[in-house]
Structure formats: structure tokens, C-alpha cells
N, C-alpha and C. Protein backbone atom coordinates (compact mmCIF):
# COMPACT_ATOMS: atom_id res chain seq x y z
N MET A 1 0.80 -1.20 0.00
CA MET A 1 0.00 0.02 0.03
C MET A 1 0.83 1.25 0.01
N ILE A 2 1.90 1.27 0.84
CA ILE A 2 2.79 2.47 0.92
C ILE A 2 3.48 2.64 -0.40
N ALA A 3 4.01 1.55 -0.97
CA ALA A 3 4.71 1.64 -2.26
C ALA A 3 3.77 2.20 -3.35
N LEU A 4 2.52 1.72 -3.37
CA LEU A 4 1.56 2.16 -4.36
C LEU A 4 1.29 3.67 -4.20
N LEU A 5 1.12 4.13 -2.97
CA LEU A 5 0.83 5.55 -2.70
C LEU A 5 2.01 6.39 -3.16
N LEU A 6 3.22 5.98 -2.85
CA LEU A 6 4.38 6.72 -3.24
C LEU A 6 4.53 6.75 -4.79
N ALA A 7 4.18 5.65 -5.40
CA ALA A 7 4.23 5.63 -6.85
C ALA A 7 3.26 6.58 -7.50
N LEU A 8 2.05 6.63 -6.92
CA LEU A 8 1.03 7.59 -7.39
C LEU A 8 1.42 9.03 -7.24
N LEU A 9 2.24 9.28 -6.19
CA LEU A 9 2.73 10.58 -5.94
C LEU A 9 3.97 10.95 -6.74
N GLY A 10 4.47 9.96 -7.49
CA GLY A 10 5.65 10.18 -8.29
C GLY A 10 6.95 10.14 -7.55
N VAL A 11 6.96 9.49 -6.38
CA VAL A 11 8.15 9.36 -5.54
C VAL A 11 8.84 8.04 -5.84
N ALA A 12 10.19 8.07 -5.98
CA ALA A 12 10.92 6.86 -6.24
C ALA A 12 10.78 5.89 -5.06
N THR A 13 10.50 4.63 -5.38
CA THR A 13 10.32 3.65 -4.32
C THR A 13 11.44 2.64 -4.31
N SER A 14 12.25 2.55 -5.35
CA SER A 14 13.36 1.57 -5.36
C SER A 14 14.51 2.16 -4.59
N ILE A 15 15.32 1.26 -4.01
CA ILE A 15 16.48 1.68 -3.24
C ILE A 15 17.65 1.94 -4.20
N PRO A 16 18.20 3.10 -4.22
CA PRO A 16 19.30 3.42 -5.08
C PRO A 16 20.49 2.53 -4.80
N ALA A 17 21.24 2.10 -5.90
CA ALA A 17 22.41 1.28 -5.76
C ALA A 17 23.62 2.07 -5.37
N THR A 18 23.64 3.34 -5.75
CA THR A 18 24.73 4.25 -5.42
C THR A 18 24.16 5.54 -4.89
N ALA A 19 25.03 6.29 -4.24
CA ALA A 19 24.60 7.57 -3.69
C ALA A 19 24.28 8.58 -4.80
N ALA A 20 23.66 9.68 -4.44
CA ALA A 20 23.29 10.71 -5.42
C ALA A 20 24.44 11.26 -6.18
N ASP A 21 25.60 11.30 -5.53
CA ASP A 21 26.81 11.84 -6.18
C ASP A 21 27.57 10.75 -6.97
N GLY A 22 26.99 9.54 -7.03
CA GLY A 22 27.58 8.48 -7.79
C GLY A 22 28.58 7.59 -7.03
N SER A 23 28.81 7.93 -5.77
CA SER A 23 29.80 7.18 -5.00
C SER A 23 29.19 5.93 -4.43
N THR A 24 30.06 5.04 -3.99
CA THR A 24 29.62 3.79 -3.40
C THR A 24 29.91 3.73 -1.91
N THR A 25 30.11 4.89 -1.29
CA THR A 25 30.34 5.01 0.15
C THR A 25 29.31 5.83 0.78
N CYS A 26 29.15 5.74 2.08
CA CYS A 26 28.24 6.54 2.88
C CYS A 26 29.01 7.01 4.14
N SER A 27 28.94 8.33 4.39
CA SER A 27 29.59 8.85 5.60
C SER A 27 28.73 9.91 6.18
N TYR A 28 28.72 10.02 7.52
CA TYR A 28 27.95 11.05 8.19
C TYR A 28 28.42 11.13 9.64
N HIS A 29 28.12 12.30 10.25
CA HIS A 29 28.34 12.46 11.68
C HIS A 29 26.95 12.55 12.33
N THR A 30 26.75 11.89 13.46
CA THR A 30 25.46 11.92 14.12
C THR A 30 25.55 11.98 15.62
N TYR A 31 24.45 12.14 16.29
CA TYR A 31 24.41 12.23 17.73
C TYR A 31 22.97 11.83 18.17
N GLN A 32 22.79 11.71 19.49
CA GLN A 32 21.46 11.57 20.07
C GLN A 32 21.20 12.72 21.01
N TRP A 33 19.91 13.17 21.01
CA TRP A 33 19.58 14.28 21.87
C TRP A 33 19.17 13.81 23.28
N SER A 34 19.81 14.35 24.30
CA SER A 34 19.49 14.00 25.70
C SER A 34 18.40 14.91 26.19
N VAL A 35 17.25 14.31 26.55
CA VAL A 35 16.16 15.08 27.09
C VAL A 35 16.41 15.49 28.55
N VAL A 36 17.38 14.78 29.15
CA VAL A 36 17.71 15.00 30.56
C VAL A 36 18.65 16.21 30.64
N HIS A 37 19.71 16.17 29.88
CA HIS A 37 20.72 17.24 29.89
C HIS A 37 20.54 18.32 28.88
N ARG A 38 19.54 18.06 27.94
CA ARG A 38 19.20 19.04 26.89
C ARG A 38 20.43 19.44 26.09
N ARG A 39 21.09 18.39 25.55
CA ARG A 39 22.28 18.62 24.71
C ARG A 39 22.51 17.37 23.85
N ALA A 40 23.37 17.54 22.86
CA ALA A 40 23.72 16.41 21.98
C ALA A 40 24.73 15.51 22.69
N GLU A 41 24.50 14.20 22.64
CA GLU A 41 25.41 13.28 23.28
C GLU A 41 25.65 12.06 22.33
N ARG A 42 26.65 11.25 22.65
CA ARG A 42 27.02 10.10 21.92
C ARG A 42 27.30 10.38 20.46
N GLY A 43 28.04 11.45 20.23
CA GLY A 43 28.46 11.77 18.84
C GLY A 43 29.32 10.69 18.23
N GLN A 44 29.15 10.43 16.95
CA GLN A 44 29.98 9.44 16.31
C GLN A 44 30.02 9.73 14.83
N ASN A 45 31.15 9.32 14.21
CA ASN A 45 31.33 9.40 12.76
C ASN A 45 31.09 8.01 12.16
N VAL A 46 30.32 7.96 11.07
CA VAL A 46 30.01 6.67 10.44
C VAL A 46 30.60 6.71 9.03
N TYR A 47 31.28 5.67 8.61
CA TYR A 47 31.80 5.51 7.26
C TYR A 47 31.68 4.06 6.87
N LYS A 48 30.97 3.81 5.77
CA LYS A 48 30.73 2.41 5.37
C LYS A 48 30.37 2.33 3.92
N PRO A 49 30.31 1.13 3.30
CA PRO A 49 29.86 0.99 1.94
C PRO A 49 28.39 1.40 1.79
N TYR A 50 28.09 2.05 0.70
CA TYR A 50 26.72 2.54 0.46
C TYR A 50 25.75 1.36 0.45
N ALA A 51 26.17 0.21 -0.01
CA ALA A 51 25.31 -0.97 -0.05
C ALA A 51 24.86 -1.42 1.36
N GLN A 52 25.54 -0.94 2.41
CA GLN A 52 25.16 -1.33 3.75
C GLN A 52 24.25 -0.29 4.46
N VAL A 53 23.78 0.71 3.71
CA VAL A 53 22.85 1.68 4.29
C VAL A 53 21.55 0.93 4.60
N THR A 54 21.06 1.06 5.79
CA THR A 54 19.85 0.32 6.22
C THR A 54 18.59 1.13 5.94
N ALA A 55 17.46 0.45 6.05
CA ALA A 55 16.16 1.13 5.88
C ALA A 55 16.00 2.20 6.90
N ASP A 56 16.50 2.01 8.09
CA ASP A 56 16.41 3.00 9.18
C ASP A 56 17.16 4.27 8.83
N GLU A 57 18.17 4.15 7.97
CA GLU A 57 18.99 5.32 7.61
C GLU A 57 18.44 6.07 6.39
N ARG A 58 17.28 5.64 5.90
CA ARG A 58 16.64 6.31 4.76
C ARG A 58 15.34 6.97 5.16
N ASP A 59 15.00 8.05 4.49
CA ASP A 59 13.70 8.72 4.73
C ASP A 59 12.61 7.74 4.41
N PRO A 60 11.71 7.43 5.35
CA PRO A 60 10.67 6.47 5.08
C PRO A 60 9.67 6.90 3.98
N SER A 61 9.60 8.19 3.68
CA SER A 61 8.70 8.67 2.67
C SER A 61 9.38 8.81 1.29
N ASP A 62 10.72 8.73 1.27
CA ASP A 62 11.46 8.86 0.03
C ASP A 62 12.83 8.26 0.16
N PRO A 63 13.08 7.03 -0.25
CA PRO A 63 14.32 6.34 0.00
C PRO A 63 15.48 6.92 -0.74
N ARG A 64 15.25 7.90 -1.63
CA ARG A 64 16.39 8.56 -2.29
C ARG A 64 17.15 9.42 -1.31
N CYS A 65 16.48 9.82 -0.21
CA CYS A 65 17.10 10.65 0.79
C CYS A 65 17.57 9.79 1.97
N SER A 66 18.84 9.94 2.33
CA SER A 66 19.34 9.13 3.43
C SER A 66 20.21 10.04 4.35
N VAL A 67 20.74 9.45 5.39
CA VAL A 67 21.58 10.22 6.30
C VAL A 67 23.00 10.42 5.72
N CYS A 68 23.29 9.82 4.61
CA CYS A 68 24.60 9.89 3.99
C CYS A 68 24.89 11.27 3.40
N ARG A 69 26.08 11.76 3.66
CA ARG A 69 26.52 13.04 3.09
C ARG A 69 26.51 12.93 1.56
N GLN A 70 26.76 11.79 1.02
CA GLN A 70 26.86 11.61 -0.41
C GLN A 70 25.49 11.67 -1.14
N ASP A 71 24.36 11.68 -0.41
CA ASP A 71 23.07 11.83 -0.95
C ASP A 71 22.58 13.28 -0.91
N GLN A 72 23.47 14.18 -0.45
CA GLN A 72 23.09 15.60 -0.32
C GLN A 72 23.65 16.45 -1.46
N ALA A 73 22.95 17.54 -1.72
CA ALA A 73 23.39 18.50 -2.75
C ALA A 73 23.65 19.87 -2.07
N LEU A 74 24.59 20.58 -2.61
CA LEU A 74 24.91 21.89 -2.08
C LEU A 74 23.95 22.94 -2.70
N ILE A 75 23.24 23.64 -1.83
CA ILE A 75 22.37 24.74 -2.24
C ILE A 75 23.06 26.04 -1.92
N GLU A 76 23.22 26.91 -2.92
CA GLU A 76 23.97 28.20 -2.69
C GLU A 76 22.94 29.36 -2.93
N PRO A 77 22.31 29.84 -1.90
CA PRO A 77 21.34 30.95 -2.04
C PRO A 77 21.93 32.18 -2.69
N ALA A 78 23.20 32.46 -2.43
CA ALA A 78 23.85 33.66 -3.05
C ALA A 78 23.84 33.62 -4.53
N LYS A 79 23.84 32.42 -5.12
CA LYS A 79 23.79 32.26 -6.57
C LYS A 79 22.36 32.27 -7.12
N LEU A 80 21.43 32.33 -6.19
CA LEU A 80 19.99 32.34 -6.56
C LEU A 80 19.37 33.67 -6.33
N GLY A 81 20.19 34.68 -6.01
CA GLY A 81 19.67 36.03 -5.81
C GLY A 81 19.56 36.48 -4.37
N LEU A 82 20.12 35.66 -3.44
CA LEU A 82 20.03 35.97 -2.02
C LEU A 82 21.45 36.19 -1.49
N PRO A 83 22.07 37.33 -1.77
CA PRO A 83 23.47 37.56 -1.36
C PRO A 83 23.61 37.52 0.15
N GLY A 84 24.74 36.94 0.60
CA GLY A 84 25.04 36.92 2.01
C GLY A 84 24.43 35.72 2.78
N VAL A 85 23.58 34.96 2.12
CA VAL A 85 22.97 33.79 2.80
C VAL A 85 23.92 32.61 2.59
N PRO A 86 24.44 32.01 3.65
CA PRO A 86 25.40 30.92 3.52
C PRO A 86 24.77 29.69 2.80
N ALA A 87 25.65 28.94 2.18
CA ALA A 87 25.22 27.69 1.48
C ALA A 87 24.83 26.65 2.54
N PHE A 88 24.00 25.70 2.11
CA PHE A 88 23.62 24.60 2.99
C PHE A 88 23.43 23.35 2.14
N LEU A 89 23.28 22.24 2.86
CA LEU A 89 23.05 20.95 2.17
C LEU A 89 21.63 20.49 2.30
N ALA A 90 21.12 19.80 1.29
CA ALA A 90 19.80 19.22 1.33
C ALA A 90 19.79 18.00 0.43
N CYS A 91 18.87 17.10 0.66
CA CYS A 91 18.78 15.87 -0.18
C CYS A 91 18.70 16.27 -1.65
N ALA A 92 19.53 15.62 -2.43
CA ALA A 92 19.61 15.90 -3.85
C ALA A 92 18.25 15.77 -4.55
N ALA A 93 17.40 14.88 -4.10
CA ALA A 93 16.10 14.66 -4.71
C ALA A 93 15.21 15.91 -4.55
N HIS A 94 15.47 16.73 -3.54
CA HIS A 94 14.68 17.92 -3.31
C HIS A 94 15.36 19.21 -3.78
N ALA A 95 16.57 19.09 -4.25
CA ALA A 95 17.38 20.28 -4.56
C ALA A 95 16.74 21.19 -5.62
N ALA A 96 16.19 20.63 -6.65
CA ALA A 96 15.60 21.45 -7.72
C ALA A 96 14.45 22.31 -7.18
N ASP A 97 13.54 21.69 -6.36
CA ASP A 97 12.44 22.42 -5.82
C ASP A 97 12.93 23.53 -4.86
N LEU A 98 13.92 23.25 -4.05
CA LEU A 98 14.44 24.23 -3.12
C LEU A 98 15.07 25.42 -3.84
N ARG A 99 15.85 25.13 -4.87
CA ARG A 99 16.48 26.18 -5.61
C ARG A 99 15.45 27.05 -6.31
N ALA A 100 14.44 26.45 -6.89
CA ALA A 100 13.36 27.20 -7.55
C ALA A 100 12.64 28.09 -6.56
N ALA A 101 12.31 27.54 -5.35
CA ALA A 101 11.61 28.33 -4.37
C ALA A 101 12.42 29.52 -3.90
N LEU A 102 13.67 29.32 -3.59
CA LEU A 102 14.51 30.40 -3.14
C LEU A 102 14.71 31.45 -4.24
N GLU A 103 14.87 31.00 -5.44
CA GLU A 103 15.03 31.95 -6.57
C GLU A 103 13.78 32.84 -6.70
N ASN A 104 12.60 32.24 -6.54
CA ASN A 104 11.34 32.99 -6.62
C ASN A 104 11.20 33.95 -5.44
N VAL A 105 11.65 33.54 -4.26
CA VAL A 105 11.61 34.43 -3.10
C VAL A 105 12.54 35.65 -3.37
N ALA A 106 13.70 35.38 -3.93
CA ALA A 106 14.63 36.47 -4.31
C ALA A 106 14.04 37.40 -5.28
N LYS A 107 13.38 36.89 -6.28
CA LYS A 107 12.76 37.68 -7.30
C LYS A 107 11.67 38.59 -6.77
N ASP A 108 10.89 37.99 -5.81
CA ASP A 108 9.79 38.79 -5.20
C ASP A 108 10.35 39.93 -4.34
N GLY A 109 11.44 39.69 -3.64
CA GLY A 109 12.18 40.71 -2.97
C GLY A 109 11.57 41.24 -1.68
N LYS A 110 10.48 40.61 -1.18
CA LYS A 110 9.84 41.12 0.02
C LYS A 110 10.19 40.40 1.30
N PHE A 111 10.66 39.15 1.17
CA PHE A 111 11.04 38.41 2.37
C PHE A 111 12.55 38.39 2.45
N LYS A 112 13.03 38.68 3.68
CA LYS A 112 14.52 38.72 3.85
C LYS A 112 15.01 37.43 4.47
N VAL A 113 15.72 36.66 3.67
CA VAL A 113 16.38 35.44 4.15
C VAL A 113 17.71 35.80 4.74
N ILE A 114 17.90 35.37 5.98
CA ILE A 114 19.17 35.65 6.72
C ILE A 114 20.00 34.42 6.72
N ASP A 115 19.47 33.28 7.11
CA ASP A 115 20.22 32.01 7.11
C ASP A 115 19.28 30.85 7.02
N ILE A 116 19.84 29.72 6.52
CA ILE A 116 19.09 28.49 6.33
C ILE A 116 19.89 27.36 6.84
N VAL A 117 19.30 26.47 7.58
CA VAL A 117 19.92 25.20 8.05
C VAL A 117 19.18 24.07 7.38
N GLY A 118 19.94 23.20 6.73
CA GLY A 118 19.36 22.02 6.08
C GLY A 118 19.75 20.73 6.70
N TYR A 119 20.54 19.95 5.96
CA TYR A 119 21.01 18.64 6.40
C TYR A 119 21.82 18.71 7.67
N ARG A 120 21.38 17.92 8.68
CA ARG A 120 22.02 17.89 10.01
C ARG A 120 21.57 16.60 10.65
N VAL A 121 22.45 15.65 10.79
CA VAL A 121 22.08 14.29 11.16
C VAL A 121 22.04 14.18 12.71
N GLY A 122 20.93 13.70 13.22
CA GLY A 122 20.79 13.49 14.66
C GLY A 122 19.49 12.80 15.00
N ARG A 123 19.54 12.02 16.07
CA ARG A 123 18.29 11.37 16.56
C ARG A 123 17.71 12.35 17.63
N THR A 124 16.76 13.14 17.15
CA THR A 124 16.21 14.17 18.00
C THR A 124 14.68 14.06 18.20
N ARG A 125 14.14 12.95 17.72
CA ARG A 125 12.69 12.72 17.81
C ARG A 125 12.40 11.34 18.36
N GLY A 126 11.10 11.08 18.54
CA GLY A 126 10.66 9.74 18.86
C GLY A 126 10.77 9.36 20.33
N ALA A 127 10.69 8.08 20.58
CA ALA A 127 10.70 7.55 21.93
C ALA A 127 12.02 7.86 22.61
N VAL A 128 11.96 7.93 23.95
CA VAL A 128 13.15 8.22 24.76
C VAL A 128 13.58 6.88 25.45
N VAL A 129 14.84 6.49 25.28
CA VAL A 129 15.43 5.33 25.91
C VAL A 129 16.67 5.76 26.66
N ASP A 130 16.71 5.52 27.94
CA ASP A 130 17.86 5.94 28.77
C ASP A 130 18.09 7.46 28.64
N GLY A 131 17.00 8.22 28.49
CA GLY A 131 17.11 9.69 28.43
C GLY A 131 17.49 10.21 27.06
N LEU A 132 17.58 9.36 26.06
CA LEU A 132 18.02 9.79 24.70
C LEU A 132 16.95 9.51 23.66
N ARG A 133 16.78 10.47 22.76
CA ARG A 133 15.84 10.29 21.62
C ARG A 133 16.37 9.17 20.72
N THR A 134 15.45 8.53 20.00
CA THR A 134 15.84 7.35 19.22
C THR A 134 15.50 7.42 17.75
N GLU A 135 14.86 8.50 17.30
CA GLU A 135 14.51 8.57 15.90
C GLU A 135 15.16 9.75 15.19
N TRP A 136 15.39 9.59 13.90
CA TRP A 136 16.04 10.67 13.13
C TRP A 136 15.04 11.83 12.88
N SER A 137 15.56 13.04 12.83
CA SER A 137 14.77 14.16 12.41
C SER A 137 14.72 14.19 10.88
N ASN A 138 13.84 14.96 10.30
CA ASN A 138 13.80 15.13 8.87
C ASN A 138 15.08 15.80 8.33
N HIS A 139 15.72 16.61 9.17
CA HIS A 139 17.00 17.21 8.79
C HIS A 139 18.04 16.18 8.54
N SER A 140 17.98 15.03 9.22
CA SER A 140 18.92 13.97 9.06
C SER A 140 18.99 13.41 7.67
N PHE A 141 17.84 13.51 6.95
CA PHE A 141 17.82 13.00 5.59
C PHE A 141 18.00 14.11 4.58
N GLY A 142 18.20 15.34 5.05
CA GLY A 142 18.29 16.50 4.16
C GLY A 142 16.93 16.89 3.63
N ALA A 143 15.84 16.45 4.32
CA ALA A 143 14.48 16.72 3.89
C ALA A 143 13.81 17.72 4.83
N ALA A 144 14.48 18.77 5.15
CA ALA A 144 13.94 19.86 5.98
C ALA A 144 14.88 21.04 5.94
N ILE A 145 14.34 22.23 6.09
CA ILE A 145 15.15 23.41 6.27
C ILE A 145 14.56 24.28 7.40
N ASP A 146 15.43 24.97 8.09
CA ASP A 146 15.04 25.96 9.10
C ASP A 146 15.50 27.32 8.57
N VAL A 147 14.58 28.27 8.52
CA VAL A 147 14.89 29.60 7.95
C VAL A 147 14.79 30.66 9.05
N ASN A 148 15.82 31.44 9.15
CA ASN A 148 15.86 32.61 10.09
C ASN A 148 15.43 32.16 11.50
N ALA A 149 16.16 31.21 12.07
CA ALA A 149 15.81 30.67 13.38
C ALA A 149 15.73 31.74 14.47
N ARG A 150 16.58 32.72 14.42
CA ARG A 150 16.62 33.73 15.44
C ARG A 150 15.34 34.61 15.49
N HIS A 151 14.55 34.57 14.41
CA HIS A 151 13.33 35.33 14.35
C HIS A 151 12.09 34.43 14.26
N ASN A 152 12.29 33.12 14.23
CA ASN A 152 11.20 32.18 14.01
C ASN A 152 11.41 30.95 14.87
N GLY A 153 11.10 31.07 16.17
CA GLY A 153 11.44 30.03 17.11
C GLY A 153 10.57 28.78 17.07
N LEU A 154 11.04 27.80 17.82
CA LEU A 154 10.29 26.56 18.01
C LEU A 154 9.58 26.66 19.37
N TYR A 155 8.27 26.48 19.35
CA TYR A 155 7.45 26.63 20.56
C TYR A 155 6.75 25.30 20.87
N ASP A 156 6.50 25.11 22.14
CA ASP A 156 5.62 24.01 22.58
C ASP A 156 4.58 24.55 23.56
N GLY A 157 3.70 23.67 23.99
CA GLY A 157 2.64 24.12 24.90
C GLY A 157 1.64 24.99 24.22
N CYS A 158 1.53 24.86 22.91
CA CYS A 158 0.62 25.72 22.12
C CYS A 158 -0.72 25.05 21.91
N ASP A 159 -1.76 25.67 22.41
CA ASP A 159 -3.13 25.20 22.18
C ASP A 159 -3.82 26.23 21.30
N VAL A 160 -3.38 26.30 20.05
CA VAL A 160 -3.88 27.33 19.14
C VAL A 160 -4.32 26.66 17.82
N ALA A 161 -5.41 27.16 17.26
CA ALA A 161 -5.85 26.66 15.95
C ALA A 161 -5.17 27.38 14.82
N GLU A 162 -4.85 28.65 15.05
CA GLU A 162 -4.21 29.48 14.03
C GLU A 162 -3.11 30.31 14.73
N VAL A 163 -1.94 30.37 14.13
CA VAL A 163 -0.86 31.12 14.73
C VAL A 163 -1.05 32.62 14.48
N THR A 164 -1.24 33.36 15.56
CA THR A 164 -1.30 34.78 15.55
C THR A 164 -0.50 35.31 16.74
N PRO A 165 0.01 36.53 16.66
CA PRO A 165 0.78 37.03 17.81
C PRO A 165 0.07 36.91 19.14
N LYS A 166 -1.26 37.15 19.15
CA LYS A 166 -2.00 37.03 20.39
C LYS A 166 -2.09 35.58 20.90
N ALA A 167 -2.38 34.66 19.96
CA ALA A 167 -2.57 33.28 20.31
C ALA A 167 -1.25 32.67 20.76
N MET A 168 -0.12 33.13 20.23
CA MET A 168 1.17 32.53 20.53
C MET A 168 1.74 33.01 21.92
N GLN A 169 1.06 33.96 22.49
CA GLN A 169 1.53 34.44 23.82
C GLN A 169 1.47 33.37 24.85
N GLY A 170 0.61 32.37 24.66
CA GLY A 170 0.48 31.31 25.66
C GLY A 170 1.41 30.14 25.42
N CYS A 171 2.27 30.25 24.35
CA CYS A 171 3.19 29.16 24.03
C CYS A 171 4.51 29.40 24.71
N ARG A 172 5.32 28.31 24.83
CA ARG A 172 6.62 28.41 25.43
C ARG A 172 7.71 28.30 24.35
N LEU A 173 8.58 29.34 24.30
CA LEU A 173 9.67 29.29 23.31
C LEU A 173 10.75 28.35 23.80
N ARG A 174 11.12 27.39 22.95
CA ARG A 174 12.12 26.40 23.32
C ARG A 174 13.46 26.59 22.62
N VAL A 175 13.42 26.93 21.33
CA VAL A 175 14.64 27.04 20.55
C VAL A 175 14.46 28.25 19.62
N GLY A 176 15.57 28.99 19.42
CA GLY A 176 15.50 30.15 18.45
C GLY A 176 14.95 31.39 19.13
N GLY A 177 14.66 32.35 18.29
CA GLY A 177 14.18 33.63 18.80
C GLY A 177 12.68 33.78 18.69
N ALA A 178 12.15 34.80 19.34
CA ALA A 178 10.72 35.03 19.39
C ALA A 178 10.16 35.31 17.98
N TRP A 179 8.95 34.77 17.76
CA TRP A 179 8.22 34.95 16.52
C TRP A 179 7.37 36.20 16.68
N ASP A 180 7.73 37.30 15.97
CA ASP A 180 7.02 38.56 16.13
C ASP A 180 6.91 39.23 14.78
N PRO A 181 5.92 38.85 13.98
CA PRO A 181 5.78 39.46 12.63
C PRO A 181 5.53 40.96 12.67
N GLY A 182 5.00 41.48 13.73
CA GLY A 182 4.77 42.92 13.80
C GLY A 182 6.08 43.69 13.94
N LYS A 183 7.03 43.10 14.69
CA LYS A 183 8.31 43.73 14.95
C LYS A 183 9.29 43.51 13.81
N ARG A 184 9.26 42.31 13.20
CA ARG A 184 10.21 41.95 12.13
C ARG A 184 9.45 41.36 10.94
N PRO A 185 8.63 42.14 10.26
CA PRO A 185 7.78 41.57 9.19
C PRO A 185 8.59 41.01 8.03
N ALA A 186 9.73 41.56 7.74
CA ALA A 186 10.48 41.16 6.58
C ALA A 186 11.16 39.79 6.72
N SER A 187 11.47 39.41 7.95
CA SER A 187 12.20 38.17 8.17
C SER A 187 11.46 37.12 8.97
N THR A 188 10.19 37.37 9.28
CA THR A 188 9.38 36.46 10.08
C THR A 188 8.48 35.68 9.15
N VAL A 189 8.44 34.37 9.28
CA VAL A 189 7.61 33.51 8.41
C VAL A 189 6.16 33.57 8.82
N THR A 190 5.30 33.95 7.89
CA THR A 190 3.86 33.91 8.08
C THR A 190 3.26 33.35 6.79
N LYS A 191 1.97 33.10 6.80
CA LYS A 191 1.31 32.60 5.62
C LYS A 191 1.23 33.63 4.44
N ALA A 192 1.47 34.87 4.85
CA ALA A 192 1.41 35.97 3.84
C ALA A 192 2.73 36.19 3.11
N THR A 193 3.77 35.50 3.54
CA THR A 193 5.11 35.76 2.93
C THR A 193 5.30 34.94 1.67
N SER A 194 6.22 35.45 0.83
CA SER A 194 6.56 34.72 -0.39
C SER A 194 7.28 33.41 -0.05
N LEU A 195 8.00 33.37 1.05
CA LEU A 195 8.68 32.13 1.47
C LEU A 195 7.68 31.02 1.72
N TYR A 196 6.63 31.35 2.47
CA TYR A 196 5.55 30.40 2.74
C TYR A 196 4.92 29.91 1.42
N ARG A 197 4.61 30.86 0.60
CA ARG A 197 3.94 30.52 -0.69
C ARG A 197 4.80 29.58 -1.53
N GLU A 198 6.08 29.88 -1.64
CA GLU A 198 6.93 29.06 -2.50
C GLU A 198 7.23 27.69 -1.88
N MET A 199 7.49 27.70 -0.57
CA MET A 199 7.88 26.41 0.08
C MET A 199 6.69 25.44 0.20
N THR A 200 5.54 25.99 0.39
CA THR A 200 4.37 25.08 0.56
C THR A 200 3.81 24.62 -0.75
N ARG A 201 4.47 24.90 -1.86
CA ARG A 201 4.12 24.27 -3.10
C ARG A 201 4.51 22.79 -3.08
N PHE A 202 5.51 22.47 -2.26
CA PHE A 202 5.96 21.04 -2.21
C PHE A 202 6.20 20.54 -0.82
N TRP A 203 6.35 21.40 0.21
CA TRP A 203 6.57 20.97 1.58
C TRP A 203 5.50 21.64 2.45
N LYS A 204 5.56 21.34 3.75
CA LYS A 204 4.63 21.90 4.72
C LYS A 204 5.41 22.77 5.75
N TRP A 205 4.68 23.71 6.34
CA TRP A 205 5.27 24.61 7.31
C TRP A 205 5.09 24.10 8.75
N GLY A 206 6.11 24.18 9.54
CA GLY A 206 6.04 23.75 10.91
C GLY A 206 5.16 24.60 11.76
N GLY A 207 4.69 25.72 11.28
CA GLY A 207 3.78 26.55 12.02
C GLY A 207 2.36 26.06 11.93
N GLU A 208 2.10 25.04 11.11
CA GLU A 208 0.76 24.55 10.91
C GLU A 208 0.58 23.05 11.23
N ILE A 209 1.56 22.50 11.94
CA ILE A 209 1.48 21.08 12.25
C ILE A 209 0.47 20.84 13.38
N ARG A 210 -0.01 19.62 13.48
CA ARG A 210 -0.95 19.28 14.56
C ARG A 210 -0.24 19.06 15.83
N GLY A 211 -0.96 19.27 16.93
CA GLY A 211 -0.38 19.08 18.26
C GLY A 211 -0.01 20.40 18.89
N GLY A 212 0.77 20.32 20.00
CA GLY A 212 1.09 21.50 20.74
C GLY A 212 2.35 22.14 20.37
N THR A 213 3.03 21.71 19.28
CA THR A 213 4.25 22.30 18.83
C THR A 213 4.04 23.20 17.65
N ARG A 214 4.74 24.32 17.62
CA ARG A 214 4.77 25.17 16.47
C ARG A 214 6.24 25.55 16.17
N ASP A 215 6.68 25.00 14.99
CA ASP A 215 8.07 25.18 14.60
C ASP A 215 8.09 26.24 13.51
N MET A 216 8.21 27.48 13.87
CA MET A 216 7.97 28.58 12.95
C MET A 216 9.08 28.74 11.86
N MET A 217 10.23 28.19 12.13
CA MET A 217 11.36 28.30 11.19
C MET A 217 11.38 27.17 10.14
N HIS A 218 10.53 26.14 10.39
CA HIS A 218 10.76 24.82 9.77
C HIS A 218 9.83 24.51 8.59
N PHE A 219 10.43 23.91 7.55
CA PHE A 219 9.70 23.40 6.40
C PHE A 219 10.20 22.01 6.11
N SER A 220 9.31 21.06 5.85
CA SER A 220 9.70 19.70 5.48
C SER A 220 8.52 19.03 4.82
N PRO A 221 8.69 17.82 4.25
CA PRO A 221 7.58 17.15 3.59
C PRO A 221 6.37 16.88 4.52
N THR A 222 6.65 16.73 5.81
CA THR A 222 5.56 16.48 6.77
C THR A 222 5.23 17.66 7.65
N GLY A 223 6.15 18.66 7.66
CA GLY A 223 5.98 19.82 8.57
C GLY A 223 6.65 19.57 9.91
N TYR A 224 7.05 18.31 10.19
CA TYR A 224 7.68 17.99 11.51
C TYR A 224 9.17 17.92 11.36
């Protein structure tokens, strides 16, 4: 059923024999997030044949994206019309969409992109065992970006149907800076921005996910 759904959506379902860059190796650095100490722990470097990449190391919604550095592509916003924005990595399968979105944001000229974080491997989600998270984030597969984190924080404890400055007053800021579109309209992500319009053509915004979390900087295929 899953394979059929992915096929209908036009997503590759076969496991690639080589990495996106054509290599036969897989390397990455990873860690686990400690919910007790609130820090990254058990950091390690992994290097192995690409043929040994496990299902756990691949994005369950798109096996073309994995935790391997070799499956990532370099995105250079400065070459897309966003001068001063540092380059970042993202899954090669999503690179064309990301480049087109950022180029259109640059052409529109109304949203100010300051920085973007993409590929970053770590077990920061899911069940907790011995105080450590056990599941990969979407960033681990290069299938997520965080935009202007210092102006678009991650909140929890949110019981809101729609994100507005008033509704967000009851939320708790956990990571990044305060979300305040009235104070910083050019760099704050809202549904009215060109960044939201372009990114939600193919991904979802973390400000609209279900539950008590609102990740205002975040875009990914699932929003989480």
C-alpha cells in the first residue's frame, strides 16, 4: 500500500544502488539528543559501503534521501539572488524544488532570508530510551530546512488553531528567537510571505502542524 501511494505521488520507491553523487560509500556524523541534559550526546562518525545503508537510515517517505553526506546536494542561495545567505546541504532529490523556491523568493524581494539550516544528522525525535531520543529528524535525511531561526522560534505548549501574535503568547519558546511578525515583518515567516507561498508548493510549514508544537522556522515534507 505504501509503495503504491508513493508511486502515485511520483516518488521513487526503489532503493538506489549508489549515492546521489555516484559514489559507493556513505559517511555522516550523528548524535542523540538527551532530554535530561538538553544537549547532543554520543556523537559518532560513520563511514561504510553505500550498499550497507539500512532502511532505518533512509527517509521512510522517500528512499532517495538518506543520512549519507553523499546523498546531499549543495544549495547556494547567493547564486539564486540571495546575497550573504550561507550555502547549505539538502537531499539531492529535493534540490531542484528548493532552488526554484529560493530563486522565486529572491525575485519577489519582500522576504529577507538571513540564514538557512538544512542537512544535519541526529536522533532528535521519537521515543526516549535511557534519556536519549531514538528517531532521526527530517533534517537527518536532508528533507527539511530551518529559515531565520533567530526570528522564528520553536514553541511548545501551544493550544492554538491558528498562529497569531496574540494566540502565541500562551506558548513556550524552546529554541531560536521570538516569533514577532509585527516587529520583524520582513524576516518572520507567516502565511502571507513569499517564502511560505513558495515552500508550501511542495513541503509543509512547521507553524501549521498538529499538536502542541509550532516550529515557525521549519519546512519539510511532513511539517515536522
